[in-house]
N, C-alpha and C. Protein backbone atom coordinates (compact mmCIF):
# COMPACT_ATOMS: atom_id res chain seq x y z
N UNK A 1 40.73 -33.04 -24.40
CA UNK A 1 39.28 -33.14 -24.41
C UNK A 1 38.87 -34.55 -24.78
N UNK A 2 37.81 -35.02 -24.16
CA UNK A 2 37.31 -36.36 -24.41
C UNK A 2 36.13 -36.27 -25.36
N UNK A 3 36.15 -37.05 -26.42
CA UNK A 3 35.05 -37.01 -27.38
C UNK A 3 33.93 -37.95 -26.94
N UNK A 4 32.76 -37.78 -27.56
CA UNK A 4 31.59 -38.60 -27.27
C UNK A 4 31.89 -40.07 -27.52
N UNK A 5 32.69 -40.37 -28.51
CA UNK A 5 33.01 -41.76 -28.85
C UNK A 5 33.86 -42.43 -27.77
N UNK A 6 34.59 -41.63 -26.98
CA UNK A 6 35.46 -42.19 -25.95
C UNK A 6 34.75 -42.44 -24.63
N UNK A 7 33.61 -41.80 -24.41
CA UNK A 7 32.88 -41.94 -23.16
C UNK A 7 31.65 -42.80 -23.42
N UNK A 8 31.61 -43.96 -22.79
CA UNK A 8 30.47 -44.86 -22.96
C UNK A 8 29.50 -44.65 -21.82
N UNK A 9 28.20 -44.70 -22.13
CA UNK A 9 27.16 -44.50 -21.13
C UNK A 9 26.95 -45.71 -20.25
N UNK A 10 27.31 -46.88 -20.76
CA UNK A 10 27.05 -48.12 -20.04
C UNK A 10 28.08 -49.16 -20.45
N UNK A 11 28.41 -50.08 -19.54
CA UNK A 11 29.29 -51.18 -19.93
C UNK A 11 28.65 -52.08 -20.98
N UNK A 12 27.32 -52.00 -21.11
CA UNK A 12 26.59 -52.79 -22.11
C UNK A 12 26.60 -52.15 -23.49
N UNK A 13 27.13 -50.94 -23.58
CA UNK A 13 27.16 -50.24 -24.86
C UNK A 13 28.21 -50.87 -25.77
N UNK A 14 27.78 -51.35 -26.94
CA UNK A 14 28.75 -51.96 -27.85
C UNK A 14 29.79 -50.95 -28.32
N UNK A 15 31.02 -51.37 -28.52
CA UNK A 15 32.04 -50.46 -29.05
C UNK A 15 31.63 -49.94 -30.41
N UNK A 16 31.88 -48.68 -30.65
CA UNK A 16 31.58 -48.08 -31.95
C UNK A 16 30.17 -47.51 -32.06
N UNK A 17 29.30 -47.77 -31.08
CA UNK A 17 27.95 -47.21 -31.11
C UNK A 17 27.98 -45.90 -30.35
N UNK A 18 27.59 -44.80 -31.03
CA UNK A 18 27.67 -43.51 -30.35
C UNK A 18 26.60 -43.41 -29.25
N UNK A 19 26.82 -42.50 -28.33
CA UNK A 19 25.97 -42.38 -27.15
C UNK A 19 24.51 -42.08 -27.49
N UNK A 20 24.29 -41.21 -28.48
CA UNK A 20 22.92 -40.86 -28.85
C UNK A 20 22.17 -42.07 -29.36
N UNK A 21 22.79 -42.85 -30.22
CA UNK A 21 22.16 -44.06 -30.77
C UNK A 21 21.91 -45.06 -29.65
N UNK A 22 22.88 -45.26 -28.76
CA UNK A 22 22.73 -46.19 -27.65
C UNK A 22 21.59 -45.76 -26.74
N UNK A 23 21.55 -44.47 -26.40
CA UNK A 23 20.49 -43.95 -25.53
C UNK A 23 19.12 -44.10 -26.19
N UNK A 24 19.04 -43.76 -27.47
CA UNK A 24 17.78 -43.91 -28.21
C UNK A 24 17.29 -45.35 -28.16
N UNK A 25 18.16 -46.29 -28.50
CA UNK A 25 17.78 -47.70 -28.54
C UNK A 25 17.40 -48.23 -27.15
N UNK A 26 18.15 -47.81 -26.14
CA UNK A 26 17.86 -48.26 -24.77
C UNK A 26 16.50 -47.73 -24.30
N UNK A 27 16.25 -46.44 -24.53
CA UNK A 27 14.97 -45.85 -24.14
C UNK A 27 13.81 -46.44 -24.93
N UNK A 28 14.05 -46.73 -26.19
CA UNK A 28 13.01 -47.33 -27.02
C UNK A 28 12.59 -48.69 -26.46
N UNK A 29 13.56 -49.49 -26.10
CA UNK A 29 13.28 -50.80 -25.52
C UNK A 29 12.56 -50.66 -24.17
N UNK A 30 13.06 -49.78 -23.33
CA UNK A 30 12.47 -49.57 -22.01
C UNK A 30 11.03 -49.07 -22.11
N UNK A 31 10.78 -48.08 -22.94
CA UNK A 31 9.43 -47.52 -23.06
C UNK A 31 8.47 -48.49 -23.74
N UNK A 32 8.94 -49.21 -24.74
CA UNK A 32 8.08 -50.19 -25.43
C UNK A 32 7.65 -51.29 -24.47
N UNK A 33 8.53 -51.66 -23.57
CA UNK A 33 8.21 -52.69 -22.58
C UNK A 33 7.27 -52.14 -21.50
N UNK A 34 7.50 -50.91 -21.08
CA UNK A 34 6.73 -50.31 -20.00
C UNK A 34 5.35 -49.83 -20.44
N UNK A 35 5.25 -49.34 -21.67
CA UNK A 35 4.00 -48.78 -22.19
C UNK A 35 3.63 -49.53 -23.46
N UNK A 36 3.02 -50.69 -23.29
CA UNK A 36 2.74 -51.56 -24.42
C UNK A 36 1.65 -51.03 -25.33
N UNK A 37 0.94 -49.99 -24.91
CA UNK A 37 -0.10 -49.40 -25.76
C UNK A 37 0.48 -48.42 -26.78
N UNK A 38 1.75 -48.06 -26.64
CA UNK A 38 2.36 -47.12 -27.58
C UNK A 38 2.56 -47.77 -28.94
N UNK A 39 2.25 -47.03 -29.98
CA UNK A 39 2.55 -47.51 -31.32
C UNK A 39 4.01 -47.22 -31.62
N UNK A 40 4.62 -47.96 -32.52
CA UNK A 40 6.02 -47.67 -32.87
C UNK A 40 6.21 -46.23 -33.37
N UNK A 41 5.24 -45.71 -34.12
CA UNK A 41 5.35 -44.34 -34.63
C UNK A 41 5.30 -43.31 -33.50
N UNK A 42 4.40 -43.49 -32.53
CA UNK A 42 4.31 -42.52 -31.43
C UNK A 42 5.53 -42.62 -30.52
N UNK A 43 6.05 -43.81 -30.35
CA UNK A 43 7.26 -43.99 -29.55
C UNK A 43 8.46 -43.30 -30.22
N UNK A 44 8.59 -43.49 -31.52
CA UNK A 44 9.70 -42.86 -32.25
C UNK A 44 9.58 -41.34 -32.21
N UNK A 45 8.37 -40.82 -32.38
CA UNK A 45 8.16 -39.37 -32.33
C UNK A 45 8.53 -38.82 -30.95
N UNK A 46 8.17 -39.54 -29.91
CA UNK A 46 8.51 -39.10 -28.56
C UNK A 46 10.03 -39.10 -28.36
N UNK A 47 10.69 -40.16 -28.79
CA UNK A 47 12.14 -40.27 -28.60
C UNK A 47 12.89 -39.19 -29.37
N UNK A 48 12.48 -38.93 -30.59
CA UNK A 48 13.14 -37.87 -31.38
C UNK A 48 12.99 -36.53 -30.68
N UNK A 49 11.79 -36.24 -30.20
CA UNK A 49 11.58 -34.98 -29.48
C UNK A 49 12.35 -34.94 -28.18
N UNK A 50 12.38 -36.06 -27.48
CA UNK A 50 13.08 -36.13 -26.20
C UNK A 50 14.57 -35.83 -26.35
N UNK A 51 15.15 -36.34 -27.41
CA UNK A 51 16.58 -36.16 -27.63
C UNK A 51 16.93 -34.84 -28.31
N UNK A 52 15.93 -34.16 -28.88
CA UNK A 52 16.22 -32.93 -29.63
C UNK A 52 15.64 -31.66 -29.02
N UNK A 53 14.64 -31.77 -28.17
CA UNK A 53 14.01 -30.58 -27.58
C UNK A 53 14.82 -30.08 -26.39
N UNK A 54 14.71 -28.79 -26.13
CA UNK A 54 15.38 -28.17 -25.00
C UNK A 54 14.43 -27.21 -24.31
N UNK A 55 14.63 -27.01 -23.02
CA UNK A 55 13.90 -26.00 -22.25
C UNK A 55 12.40 -26.18 -22.26
N UNK A 56 11.70 -25.10 -22.53
CA UNK A 56 10.24 -25.09 -22.51
C UNK A 56 9.65 -26.06 -23.54
N UNK A 57 10.30 -26.15 -24.68
CA UNK A 57 9.83 -27.07 -25.72
C UNK A 57 9.86 -28.53 -25.21
N UNK A 58 10.89 -28.88 -24.45
CA UNK A 58 10.99 -30.23 -23.88
C UNK A 58 9.87 -30.46 -22.86
N UNK A 59 9.59 -29.47 -22.04
CA UNK A 59 8.52 -29.59 -21.06
C UNK A 59 7.19 -29.84 -21.74
N UNK A 60 6.90 -29.11 -22.82
CA UNK A 60 5.65 -29.31 -23.56
C UNK A 60 5.63 -30.68 -24.23
N UNK A 61 6.76 -31.11 -24.75
CA UNK A 61 6.84 -32.42 -25.40
C UNK A 61 6.55 -33.54 -24.39
N UNK A 62 7.16 -33.44 -23.21
CA UNK A 62 6.93 -34.44 -22.16
C UNK A 62 5.47 -34.43 -21.72
N UNK A 63 4.90 -33.25 -21.54
CA UNK A 63 3.51 -33.13 -21.13
C UNK A 63 2.59 -33.78 -22.16
N UNK A 64 2.82 -33.48 -23.43
CA UNK A 64 1.98 -34.05 -24.49
C UNK A 64 2.09 -35.57 -24.52
N UNK A 65 3.27 -36.08 -24.28
CA UNK A 65 3.46 -37.53 -24.24
C UNK A 65 2.68 -38.14 -23.08
N UNK A 66 2.78 -37.55 -21.90
CA UNK A 66 2.08 -38.08 -20.74
C UNK A 66 0.57 -38.04 -20.92
N UNK A 67 0.08 -36.96 -21.50
CA UNK A 67 -1.35 -36.83 -21.72
C UNK A 67 -1.82 -37.89 -22.73
N UNK A 68 -0.98 -38.24 -23.68
CA UNK A 68 -1.37 -39.22 -24.70
C UNK A 68 -1.43 -40.65 -24.16
N UNK A 69 -0.77 -40.90 -23.05
CA UNK A 69 -0.78 -42.25 -22.49
C UNK A 69 -2.15 -42.58 -21.91
N UNK A 70 -2.60 -43.77 -22.17
CA UNK A 70 -3.92 -44.20 -21.69
C UNK A 70 -4.01 -44.13 -20.17
N UNK A 71 -2.92 -44.42 -19.48
CA UNK A 71 -2.96 -44.42 -18.02
C UNK A 71 -3.15 -43.02 -17.44
N UNK A 72 -2.85 -41.98 -18.21
CA UNK A 72 -3.02 -40.62 -17.73
C UNK A 72 -4.31 -39.99 -18.22
N UNK A 73 -4.94 -40.58 -19.22
CA UNK A 73 -6.12 -39.96 -19.82
C UNK A 73 -7.29 -39.88 -18.86
N UNK A 74 -7.39 -40.79 -17.93
CA UNK A 74 -8.53 -40.79 -17.01
C UNK A 74 -8.27 -39.96 -15.76
N UNK A 75 -7.07 -39.41 -15.63
CA UNK A 75 -6.72 -38.64 -14.43
C UNK A 75 -6.86 -37.14 -14.70
N UNK A 76 -6.85 -36.37 -13.61
CA UNK A 76 -6.86 -34.92 -13.70
C UNK A 76 -5.47 -34.47 -14.16
N UNK A 77 -5.39 -33.92 -15.35
CA UNK A 77 -4.09 -33.55 -15.93
C UNK A 77 -3.75 -32.08 -15.75
N UNK A 78 -4.48 -31.36 -14.94
CA UNK A 78 -4.24 -29.93 -14.78
C UNK A 78 -2.82 -29.62 -14.35
N UNK A 79 -2.25 -30.44 -13.51
CA UNK A 79 -0.90 -30.18 -13.01
C UNK A 79 0.12 -30.22 -14.15
N UNK A 80 -0.15 -30.97 -15.21
CA UNK A 80 0.77 -31.04 -16.34
C UNK A 80 0.78 -29.75 -17.15
N UNK A 81 -0.30 -28.98 -17.04
CA UNK A 81 -0.41 -27.75 -17.81
C UNK A 81 -0.03 -26.51 -17.01
N UNK A 82 0.21 -26.66 -15.74
CA UNK A 82 0.60 -25.54 -14.88
C UNK A 82 2.10 -25.31 -15.02
N UNK A 83 2.49 -24.06 -15.08
CA UNK A 83 3.91 -23.75 -15.10
C UNK A 83 4.40 -23.65 -13.67
N UNK A 84 5.70 -23.74 -13.50
CA UNK A 84 6.26 -23.74 -12.14
C UNK A 84 5.89 -22.49 -11.38
N UNK A 85 5.89 -21.34 -12.03
CA UNK A 85 5.61 -20.09 -11.35
C UNK A 85 4.16 -19.68 -11.45
N UNK A 86 3.31 -20.55 -11.97
CA UNK A 86 1.91 -20.24 -12.19
C UNK A 86 1.15 -20.24 -10.86
N UNK A 87 0.65 -19.10 -10.48
CA UNK A 87 -0.10 -18.99 -9.23
C UNK A 87 -1.54 -19.44 -9.38
N UNK A 88 -1.93 -19.89 -10.58
CA UNK A 88 -3.31 -20.27 -10.85
C UNK A 88 -3.62 -21.71 -10.48
N UNK A 89 -2.62 -22.46 -10.07
CA UNK A 89 -2.83 -23.87 -9.73
C UNK A 89 -3.68 -23.97 -8.47
N UNK A 90 -4.72 -24.76 -8.54
CA UNK A 90 -5.65 -24.87 -7.41
C UNK A 90 -5.00 -25.63 -6.26
N UNK A 91 -5.48 -25.43 -5.03
CA UNK A 91 -4.94 -26.18 -3.89
C UNK A 91 -5.08 -27.69 -4.09
N UNK A 92 -6.20 -28.11 -4.72
CA UNK A 92 -6.40 -29.53 -4.98
C UNK A 92 -5.30 -30.05 -5.91
N UNK A 93 -4.99 -29.31 -6.97
CA UNK A 93 -3.94 -29.71 -7.91
C UNK A 93 -2.58 -29.74 -7.23
N UNK A 94 -2.32 -28.77 -6.37
CA UNK A 94 -1.05 -28.73 -5.65
C UNK A 94 -0.90 -29.95 -4.75
N UNK A 95 -1.98 -30.31 -4.07
CA UNK A 95 -1.95 -31.48 -3.19
C UNK A 95 -1.73 -32.75 -3.99
N UNK A 96 -2.40 -32.86 -5.14
CA UNK A 96 -2.23 -34.04 -5.99
C UNK A 96 -0.81 -34.13 -6.53
N UNK A 97 -0.25 -32.97 -6.92
CA UNK A 97 1.12 -32.96 -7.42
C UNK A 97 2.11 -33.38 -6.34
N UNK A 98 1.86 -32.93 -5.12
CA UNK A 98 2.72 -33.30 -4.00
C UNK A 98 2.62 -34.80 -3.73
N UNK A 99 1.40 -35.34 -3.73
CA UNK A 99 1.21 -36.77 -3.55
C UNK A 99 1.87 -37.58 -4.64
N UNK A 100 1.82 -37.09 -5.87
CA UNK A 100 2.41 -37.81 -7.00
C UNK A 100 3.94 -37.90 -6.89
N UNK A 101 4.53 -36.94 -6.19
CA UNK A 101 5.99 -36.94 -6.04
C UNK A 101 6.48 -37.85 -4.94
N UNK A 102 5.58 -38.30 -4.08
CA UNK A 102 5.96 -39.17 -2.96
C UNK A 102 6.05 -40.59 -3.48
N UNK A 103 7.22 -41.26 -3.29
CA UNK A 103 7.38 -42.62 -3.83
C UNK A 103 6.47 -43.63 -3.17
């Protein structure tokens, strides 16, 4: 069996740094650069939840993070609150969600 310490996520990962710490630090740098309006406390709270939440809890955590971003606050956020099997999503929301997925 291969342990976490033996498998590195990136060639840039320093020896002796575990994968969770490396991933946390990498994501922190990436998100801080991409979303400059985030406070260090909100960024840390998001990262802790991102690395510790599973399933439905993770989906809610991600949704709450996206809603908190200034770039999403002015948009229609209904699609973030719809569940995958939710038949209540309006045709307008479905069309917007489809458009959002197109690169």
